[in-house]
N, C-alpha and C. Protein backbone atom coordinates (compact mmCIF):
# COMPACT_ATOMS: atom_id res chain seq x y z
N MET A 1 -13.74 -39.44 62.93
CA MET A 1 -12.92 -39.86 61.84
C MET A 1 -13.41 -39.26 60.52
N ILE A 2 -14.71 -39.26 60.31
CA ILE A 2 -15.26 -38.69 59.08
C ILE A 2 -15.04 -37.18 59.06
N TYR A 3 -15.17 -36.53 60.21
CA TYR A 3 -14.94 -35.09 60.27
C TYR A 3 -13.48 -34.77 59.96
N GLY A 4 -12.58 -35.58 60.40
CA GLY A 4 -11.15 -35.39 60.11
C GLY A 4 -10.86 -35.53 58.64
N LEU A 5 -11.45 -36.54 58.02
CA LEU A 5 -11.27 -36.75 56.59
C LEU A 5 -11.89 -35.59 55.79
N GLY A 6 -13.04 -35.12 56.20
CA GLY A 6 -13.68 -33.98 55.55
C GLY A 6 -12.83 -32.72 55.67
N ALA A 7 -12.20 -32.52 56.84
CA ALA A 7 -11.33 -31.35 57.04
C ALA A 7 -10.12 -31.42 56.12
N VAL A 8 -9.54 -32.60 55.96
CA VAL A 8 -8.37 -32.75 55.09
C VAL A 8 -8.76 -32.47 53.63
N VAL A 9 -9.88 -33.01 53.18
CA VAL A 9 -10.34 -32.77 51.82
C VAL A 9 -10.61 -31.28 51.61
N PHE A 10 -11.22 -30.63 52.58
CA PHE A 10 -11.49 -29.20 52.49
C PHE A 10 -10.19 -28.41 52.37
N LEU A 11 -9.20 -28.74 53.17
CA LEU A 11 -7.92 -28.04 53.11
C LEU A 11 -7.21 -28.26 51.77
N LEU A 12 -7.30 -29.48 51.24
CA LEU A 12 -6.70 -29.75 49.93
C LEU A 12 -7.39 -28.95 48.82
N LEU A 13 -8.70 -28.89 48.87
CA LEU A 13 -9.44 -28.10 47.88
C LEU A 13 -9.13 -26.61 48.01
N LEU A 14 -9.00 -26.14 49.22
CA LEU A 14 -8.66 -24.73 49.46
C LEU A 14 -7.27 -24.43 48.92
N ALA A 15 -6.30 -25.31 49.17
CA ALA A 15 -4.94 -25.11 48.67
C ALA A 15 -4.92 -25.14 47.14
N ALA A 16 -5.66 -26.05 46.52
CA ALA A 16 -5.73 -26.12 45.06
C ALA A 16 -6.33 -24.84 44.48
N GLY A 17 -7.35 -24.31 45.12
CA GLY A 17 -7.96 -23.07 44.65
C GLY A 17 -7.01 -21.89 44.74
N ILE A 18 -6.27 -21.81 45.84
CA ILE A 18 -5.30 -20.72 46.00
C ILE A 18 -4.21 -20.82 44.94
N LEU A 19 -3.69 -22.02 44.69
CA LEU A 19 -2.66 -22.20 43.67
C LEU A 19 -3.19 -21.85 42.27
N ALA A 20 -4.39 -22.23 41.97
CA ALA A 20 -4.98 -21.91 40.66
C ALA A 20 -5.14 -20.40 40.50
N TYR A 21 -5.56 -19.71 41.55
CA TYR A 21 -5.72 -18.26 41.50
C TYR A 21 -4.36 -17.57 41.27
N GLN A 22 -3.33 -18.01 42.01
CA GLN A 22 -2.01 -17.40 41.85
C GLN A 22 -1.44 -17.68 40.46
N ASN A 23 -1.67 -18.86 39.92
CA ASN A 23 -1.21 -19.19 38.59
C ASN A 23 -1.91 -18.30 37.55
N SER A 24 -3.19 -18.08 37.71
CA SER A 24 -3.93 -17.22 36.80
C SER A 24 -3.37 -15.80 36.82
N LYS A 25 -3.06 -15.28 38.01
CA LYS A 25 -2.50 -13.93 38.12
C LYS A 25 -1.14 -13.86 37.45
N LEU A 26 -0.32 -14.89 37.61
CA LEU A 26 1.01 -14.92 37.01
C LEU A 26 0.92 -14.93 35.49
N ILE A 27 0.04 -15.72 34.94
CA ILE A 27 -0.12 -15.78 33.48
C ILE A 27 -0.62 -14.46 32.93
N SER A 28 -1.58 -13.84 33.59
CA SER A 28 -2.10 -12.56 33.08
C SER A 28 -1.06 -11.45 33.17
N SER A 29 -0.22 -11.45 34.19
CA SER A 29 0.82 -10.42 34.29
C SER A 29 1.88 -10.62 33.23
N ARG A 30 2.23 -11.85 32.91
CA ARG A 30 3.21 -12.10 31.85
C ARG A 30 2.68 -11.64 30.50
N THR A 31 1.43 -11.88 30.22
CA THR A 31 0.84 -11.47 28.96
C THR A 31 0.81 -9.95 28.85
N ARG A 32 0.47 -9.27 29.94
CA ARG A 32 0.45 -7.80 29.93
C ARG A 32 1.83 -7.23 29.72
N GLU A 33 2.86 -7.84 30.30
CA GLU A 33 4.22 -7.35 30.17
C GLU A 33 4.83 -7.68 28.83
N GLY A 34 4.17 -8.51 28.05
CA GLY A 34 4.67 -8.85 26.73
C GLY A 34 5.74 -9.92 26.74
N LYS A 35 5.91 -10.63 27.85
CA LYS A 35 6.93 -11.67 27.91
C LYS A 35 6.54 -12.88 27.09
N GLU A 36 5.28 -13.09 26.91
CA GLU A 36 4.80 -14.20 26.09
C GLU A 36 4.00 -13.63 24.94
N LEU A 37 4.40 -13.95 23.76
CA LEU A 37 3.68 -13.49 22.58
C LEU A 37 2.58 -14.48 22.28
N PRO A 38 1.33 -14.05 22.27
CA PRO A 38 0.25 -14.99 21.99
C PRO A 38 0.44 -15.66 20.64
N GLY A 39 0.11 -16.95 20.57
CA GLY A 39 0.28 -17.71 19.35
C GLY A 39 -0.49 -17.12 18.18
N ALA A 40 -1.61 -16.47 18.46
CA ALA A 40 -2.43 -15.90 17.40
C ALA A 40 -1.78 -14.67 16.76
N TYR A 41 -0.76 -14.09 17.41
CA TYR A 41 -0.13 -12.88 16.89
C TYR A 41 1.36 -13.07 16.64
N SER A 42 1.78 -14.27 16.32
CA SER A 42 3.21 -14.53 16.27
C SER A 42 3.84 -14.41 14.89
N THR A 43 3.08 -14.19 13.84
CA THR A 43 3.69 -14.10 12.52
C THR A 43 3.30 -12.82 11.81
N TYR A 44 4.16 -12.43 10.85
CA TYR A 44 4.02 -11.16 10.17
C TYR A 44 4.26 -11.34 8.67
N SER A 45 3.75 -10.42 7.89
CA SER A 45 3.99 -10.39 6.45
C SER A 45 4.21 -8.95 6.02
N VAL A 46 4.94 -8.79 4.93
CA VAL A 46 5.13 -7.47 4.33
C VAL A 46 4.55 -7.55 2.93
N TYR A 47 3.58 -6.67 2.65
CA TYR A 47 2.92 -6.63 1.36
C TYR A 47 3.43 -5.43 0.56
N GLN A 48 3.59 -5.61 -0.73
CA GLN A 48 3.88 -4.49 -1.62
C GLN A 48 2.59 -4.17 -2.34
N LEU A 49 2.07 -2.98 -2.11
CA LEU A 49 0.78 -2.57 -2.66
C LEU A 49 0.94 -1.30 -3.49
N THR A 50 0.13 -1.17 -4.51
CA THR A 50 0.07 0.07 -5.26
C THR A 50 -1.21 0.79 -4.87
N GLY A 51 -1.15 2.08 -4.86
CA GLY A 51 -2.33 2.86 -4.49
C GLY A 51 -2.40 3.12 -3.00
N PRO A 52 -3.45 3.80 -2.57
CA PRO A 52 -3.55 4.24 -1.18
C PRO A 52 -4.08 3.20 -0.21
N GLY A 53 -4.57 2.06 -0.66
CA GLY A 53 -5.24 1.10 0.20
C GLY A 53 -4.31 0.31 1.11
N LEU A 54 -4.93 -0.43 2.00
CA LEU A 54 -4.24 -1.36 2.88
C LEU A 54 -4.63 -2.77 2.47
N PRO A 55 -3.95 -3.79 3.00
CA PRO A 55 -4.33 -5.16 2.64
C PRO A 55 -5.81 -5.39 2.87
N GLU A 56 -6.43 -6.14 1.96
CA GLU A 56 -7.88 -6.30 2.00
C GLU A 56 -8.36 -7.38 2.93
N ALA A 57 -7.49 -8.28 3.35
CA ALA A 57 -7.92 -9.35 4.24
C ALA A 57 -8.30 -8.76 5.60
N ASP A 58 -9.44 -9.18 6.13
CA ASP A 58 -9.91 -8.65 7.40
C ASP A 58 -9.01 -9.04 8.57
N SER A 59 -8.31 -10.15 8.43
CA SER A 59 -7.49 -10.64 9.53
C SER A 59 -6.12 -9.96 9.59
N ASP A 60 -5.67 -9.32 8.52
CA ASP A 60 -4.37 -8.66 8.51
C ASP A 60 -4.45 -7.34 9.26
N ILE A 61 -3.55 -7.16 10.22
CA ILE A 61 -3.54 -5.94 11.03
C ILE A 61 -2.30 -5.14 10.66
N PRO A 62 -2.47 -3.99 9.98
CA PRO A 62 -1.30 -3.21 9.57
C PRO A 62 -0.63 -2.56 10.78
N LEU A 63 0.70 -2.61 10.79
CA LEU A 63 1.47 -1.98 11.85
C LEU A 63 2.30 -0.81 11.34
N PHE A 64 2.78 -0.91 10.10
CA PHE A 64 3.66 0.13 9.57
C PHE A 64 3.50 0.16 8.05
N ARG A 65 3.42 1.37 7.50
CA ARG A 65 3.29 1.55 6.05
C ARG A 65 4.39 2.48 5.57
N LEU A 66 5.20 1.99 4.64
CA LEU A 66 6.28 2.76 4.03
C LEU A 66 5.89 3.03 2.59
N THR A 67 5.75 4.31 2.23
CA THR A 67 5.28 4.67 0.89
C THR A 67 6.43 5.26 0.08
N VAL A 68 6.58 4.74 -1.12
CA VAL A 68 7.58 5.23 -2.06
C VAL A 68 6.85 6.08 -3.08
N PRO A 69 7.16 7.38 -3.15
CA PRO A 69 6.45 8.25 -4.09
C PRO A 69 6.72 7.87 -5.54
N ALA A 70 5.78 8.22 -6.39
CA ALA A 70 5.94 7.97 -7.83
C ALA A 70 7.06 8.84 -8.37
N ARG A 71 7.76 8.32 -9.34
CA ARG A 71 8.84 9.07 -9.98
C ARG A 71 8.49 9.28 -11.45
N SER A 72 9.00 10.31 -11.98
CA SER A 72 8.71 10.59 -13.40
C SER A 72 9.55 9.69 -14.31
N PRO A 73 9.11 9.46 -15.53
CA PRO A 73 9.88 8.62 -16.46
C PRO A 73 11.26 9.20 -16.79
N ALA A 74 11.45 10.49 -16.54
CA ALA A 74 12.74 11.11 -16.82
C ALA A 74 13.81 10.68 -15.81
N ASP A 75 13.38 10.17 -14.68
CA ASP A 75 14.34 9.72 -13.68
C ASP A 75 15.09 8.50 -14.18
N ARG A 76 16.22 8.19 -13.51
CA ARG A 76 17.06 7.09 -13.96
C ARG A 76 16.42 5.72 -13.79
N SER A 77 15.45 5.58 -12.92
CA SER A 77 14.83 4.28 -12.69
C SER A 77 13.40 4.29 -13.21
N ALA A 78 13.18 3.65 -14.33
CA ALA A 78 11.83 3.62 -14.91
C ALA A 78 10.93 2.65 -14.16
N SER A 79 11.49 1.83 -13.27
CA SER A 79 10.66 0.85 -12.56
C SER A 79 9.83 1.48 -11.45
N LEU A 80 10.12 2.70 -11.07
CA LEU A 80 9.38 3.35 -9.99
C LEU A 80 8.47 4.45 -10.53
N GLN A 81 7.77 4.18 -11.59
CA GLN A 81 6.88 5.18 -12.16
C GLN A 81 5.54 5.21 -11.46
N GLU A 82 5.27 4.25 -10.62
CA GLU A 82 4.00 4.17 -9.94
C GLU A 82 4.25 4.18 -8.42
N LYS A 83 3.41 4.89 -7.70
CA LYS A 83 3.55 4.96 -6.25
C LYS A 83 3.19 3.59 -5.65
N TYR A 84 4.03 3.12 -4.73
CA TYR A 84 3.73 1.85 -4.07
C TYR A 84 4.09 1.92 -2.60
N SER A 85 3.61 0.97 -1.85
CA SER A 85 3.84 0.93 -0.41
C SER A 85 4.27 -0.46 0.03
N LEU A 86 5.09 -0.48 1.05
CA LEU A 86 5.40 -1.72 1.75
C LEU A 86 4.65 -1.64 3.07
N VAL A 87 3.78 -2.61 3.33
CA VAL A 87 2.95 -2.60 4.52
C VAL A 87 3.29 -3.81 5.37
N LEU A 88 3.76 -3.55 6.59
CA LEU A 88 4.06 -4.61 7.55
C LEU A 88 2.78 -4.92 8.31
N CYS A 89 2.35 -6.19 8.27
CA CYS A 89 1.10 -6.60 8.91
C CYS A 89 1.33 -7.78 9.84
N ARG A 90 0.54 -7.82 10.89
CA ARG A 90 0.50 -8.99 11.77
C ARG A 90 -0.65 -9.87 11.30
N LEU A 91 -0.38 -11.17 11.17
CA LEU A 91 -1.40 -12.11 10.72
C LEU A 91 -1.71 -13.09 11.84
N PRO A 92 -2.96 -13.33 12.11
CA PRO A 92 -3.32 -14.25 13.19
C PRO A 92 -3.13 -15.71 12.79
N GLY A 93 -2.96 -16.53 13.80
CA GLY A 93 -2.94 -17.97 13.60
C GLY A 93 -1.76 -18.51 12.83
N GLY A 94 -0.63 -17.83 12.83
CA GLY A 94 0.55 -18.35 12.16
C GLY A 94 0.48 -18.33 10.65
N GLN A 95 -0.30 -17.44 10.05
CA GLN A 95 -0.47 -17.40 8.60
C GLN A 95 0.63 -16.63 7.90
N GLY A 96 1.39 -15.82 8.62
CA GLY A 96 2.45 -15.02 8.00
C GLY A 96 3.69 -15.85 7.76
N GLU A 97 4.62 -15.28 6.99
CA GLU A 97 5.82 -16.02 6.67
C GLU A 97 7.05 -15.58 7.46
N MET A 98 6.92 -14.59 8.35
CA MET A 98 8.07 -14.10 9.10
C MET A 98 7.75 -13.96 10.58
N ARG A 99 8.78 -14.07 11.39
CA ARG A 99 8.70 -13.70 12.80
C ARG A 99 8.99 -12.21 12.89
N LEU A 100 8.83 -11.64 14.07
CA LEU A 100 8.99 -10.20 14.23
C LEU A 100 10.40 -9.74 13.89
N GLY A 101 11.42 -10.47 14.31
CA GLY A 101 12.80 -10.09 14.02
C GLY A 101 13.10 -10.12 12.53
N GLU A 102 12.57 -11.10 11.82
CA GLU A 102 12.77 -11.19 10.38
C GLU A 102 12.08 -10.03 9.66
N ALA A 103 10.89 -9.69 10.12
CA ALA A 103 10.16 -8.56 9.52
C ALA A 103 10.91 -7.25 9.75
N LYS A 104 11.50 -7.11 10.92
CA LYS A 104 12.29 -5.92 11.23
C LYS A 104 13.48 -5.81 10.28
N LEU A 105 14.21 -6.90 10.10
CA LEU A 105 15.37 -6.87 9.20
C LEU A 105 14.96 -6.57 7.76
N PHE A 106 13.85 -7.14 7.32
CA PHE A 106 13.37 -6.89 5.96
C PHE A 106 13.03 -5.42 5.77
N MET A 107 12.28 -4.84 6.72
CA MET A 107 11.88 -3.44 6.58
C MET A 107 13.10 -2.52 6.66
N LEU A 108 14.03 -2.80 7.57
CA LEU A 108 15.23 -1.95 7.68
C LEU A 108 16.09 -2.03 6.42
N SER A 109 16.22 -3.22 5.85
CA SER A 109 17.02 -3.33 4.62
C SER A 109 16.32 -2.62 3.46
N SER A 110 15.00 -2.67 3.41
CA SER A 110 14.26 -1.95 2.37
C SER A 110 14.44 -0.45 2.53
N ILE A 111 14.40 0.02 3.76
CA ILE A 111 14.59 1.46 4.01
C ILE A 111 15.99 1.88 3.59
N ARG A 112 17.01 1.11 3.97
CA ARG A 112 18.39 1.45 3.60
C ARG A 112 18.57 1.46 2.08
N GLU A 113 18.01 0.48 1.41
CA GLU A 113 18.14 0.39 -0.04
C GLU A 113 17.49 1.58 -0.73
N LEU A 114 16.29 1.93 -0.32
CA LEU A 114 15.58 3.05 -0.95
C LEU A 114 16.22 4.38 -0.61
N ARG A 115 16.69 4.53 0.63
CA ARG A 115 17.37 5.78 1.01
C ARG A 115 18.70 5.91 0.28
N GLY A 116 19.35 4.78 0.00
CA GLY A 116 20.60 4.81 -0.74
C GLY A 116 20.42 5.31 -2.17
N GLU A 117 19.23 5.12 -2.72
CA GLU A 117 18.93 5.62 -4.05
C GLU A 117 18.49 7.09 -4.03
N GLY A 118 18.44 7.68 -2.84
CA GLY A 118 18.06 9.08 -2.73
C GLY A 118 16.57 9.33 -2.78
N ILE A 119 15.78 8.33 -2.54
CA ILE A 119 14.33 8.47 -2.59
C ILE A 119 13.83 8.98 -1.24
N ILE A 120 12.99 9.99 -1.27
CA ILE A 120 12.37 10.49 -0.04
C ILE A 120 11.15 9.63 0.26
N LEU A 121 11.12 9.05 1.45
CA LEU A 121 10.09 8.10 1.82
C LEU A 121 9.08 8.70 2.77
N GLU A 122 7.85 8.28 2.64
CA GLU A 122 6.78 8.66 3.56
C GLU A 122 6.42 7.42 4.37
N TYR A 123 5.95 7.63 5.60
CA TYR A 123 5.58 6.46 6.41
C TYR A 123 4.43 6.80 7.35
N LYS A 124 3.79 5.76 7.81
CA LYS A 124 2.72 5.89 8.80
C LYS A 124 2.82 4.69 9.74
N SER A 125 2.87 4.98 11.03
CA SER A 125 2.87 3.92 12.05
C SER A 125 1.47 3.75 12.60
N PHE A 126 1.12 2.53 12.88
CA PHE A 126 -0.16 2.23 13.50
C PHE A 126 0.10 1.72 14.91
N ALA A 127 0.64 2.61 15.76
CA ALA A 127 1.06 2.23 17.10
C ALA A 127 -0.11 1.78 17.96
N ASP A 128 -1.30 2.27 17.68
CA ASP A 128 -2.46 1.89 18.47
C ASP A 128 -2.88 0.44 18.23
N LEU A 129 -2.34 -0.20 17.20
CA LEU A 129 -2.70 -1.58 16.89
C LEU A 129 -1.68 -2.60 17.40
N THR A 130 -0.62 -2.12 18.06
CA THR A 130 0.38 -3.05 18.60
C THR A 130 -0.17 -3.75 19.84
N VAL A 131 0.29 -4.99 20.06
CA VAL A 131 -0.17 -5.75 21.22
C VAL A 131 0.95 -6.08 22.19
N THR A 132 2.20 -5.90 21.78
CA THR A 132 3.32 -6.21 22.66
C THR A 132 4.31 -5.05 22.66
N PRO A 133 5.12 -4.96 23.70
CA PRO A 133 6.18 -3.94 23.71
C PRO A 133 7.19 -4.14 22.58
N GLU A 134 7.38 -5.38 22.15
CA GLU A 134 8.32 -5.65 21.06
C GLU A 134 7.83 -5.02 19.75
N GLU A 135 6.53 -5.10 19.50
CA GLU A 135 5.98 -4.46 18.31
C GLU A 135 6.13 -2.95 18.38
N ALA A 136 5.87 -2.37 19.55
CA ALA A 136 6.02 -0.93 19.71
C ALA A 136 7.48 -0.51 19.51
N ALA A 137 8.42 -1.31 20.02
CA ALA A 137 9.84 -1.01 19.84
C ALA A 137 10.22 -1.10 18.37
N LEU A 138 9.65 -2.05 17.64
CA LEU A 138 9.91 -2.17 16.22
C LEU A 138 9.47 -0.91 15.48
N LEU A 139 8.30 -0.40 15.80
CA LEU A 139 7.81 0.81 15.14
C LEU A 139 8.73 1.99 15.43
N ARG A 140 9.18 2.10 16.68
CA ARG A 140 10.12 3.20 17.02
C ARG A 140 11.42 3.06 16.23
N THR A 141 11.92 1.82 16.09
CA THR A 141 13.16 1.59 15.35
C THR A 141 13.00 1.99 13.88
N LEU A 142 11.89 1.62 13.28
CA LEU A 142 11.66 1.97 11.88
C LEU A 142 11.52 3.49 11.71
N GLU A 143 10.83 4.14 12.63
CA GLU A 143 10.70 5.59 12.55
C GLU A 143 12.05 6.29 12.70
N GLU A 144 12.89 5.78 13.61
CA GLU A 144 14.22 6.36 13.77
C GLU A 144 15.06 6.16 12.52
N ALA A 145 14.95 5.00 11.88
CA ALA A 145 15.71 4.76 10.66
C ALA A 145 15.29 5.72 9.54
N LEU A 146 14.03 6.11 9.53
CA LEU A 146 13.55 7.03 8.51
C LEU A 146 13.84 8.49 8.84
N SER A 147 14.04 8.79 10.12
CA SER A 147 14.28 10.19 10.49
C SER A 147 15.76 10.58 10.37
N ASP A 148 16.64 9.60 10.28
CA ASP A 148 18.08 9.91 10.16
C ASP A 148 18.41 10.54 8.84
């Protein structure tokens, strides 16, 4: 009787171990495929910076930098006399103010607005810093919008 009970407990523990292993594999494959966005990387911010630097916070991870060249005072817009950049960054721990889709719309509308004024824009993608396929697709979309 005791041997029978021990066998049942052993089989239950074995089944629990197998289920835990399969669950672990499923979670890791979903994360690799980008189906689940980790909570630490779920928000984004766009900074407007002057000069060549990037955001100074160590936690901000730049993904895309759009640079607007300086214009001379003789141009029709005196507000663009200084070179500035829009930098799309991923912020850990939900510190940013936008989701990825909102950041995409903001950057695309900024590109359209500046291109409509006839300004030639420079950009730099930081594709090596992306963590999901959605971020990589966003960078491709922004690059395509600038190449048209």
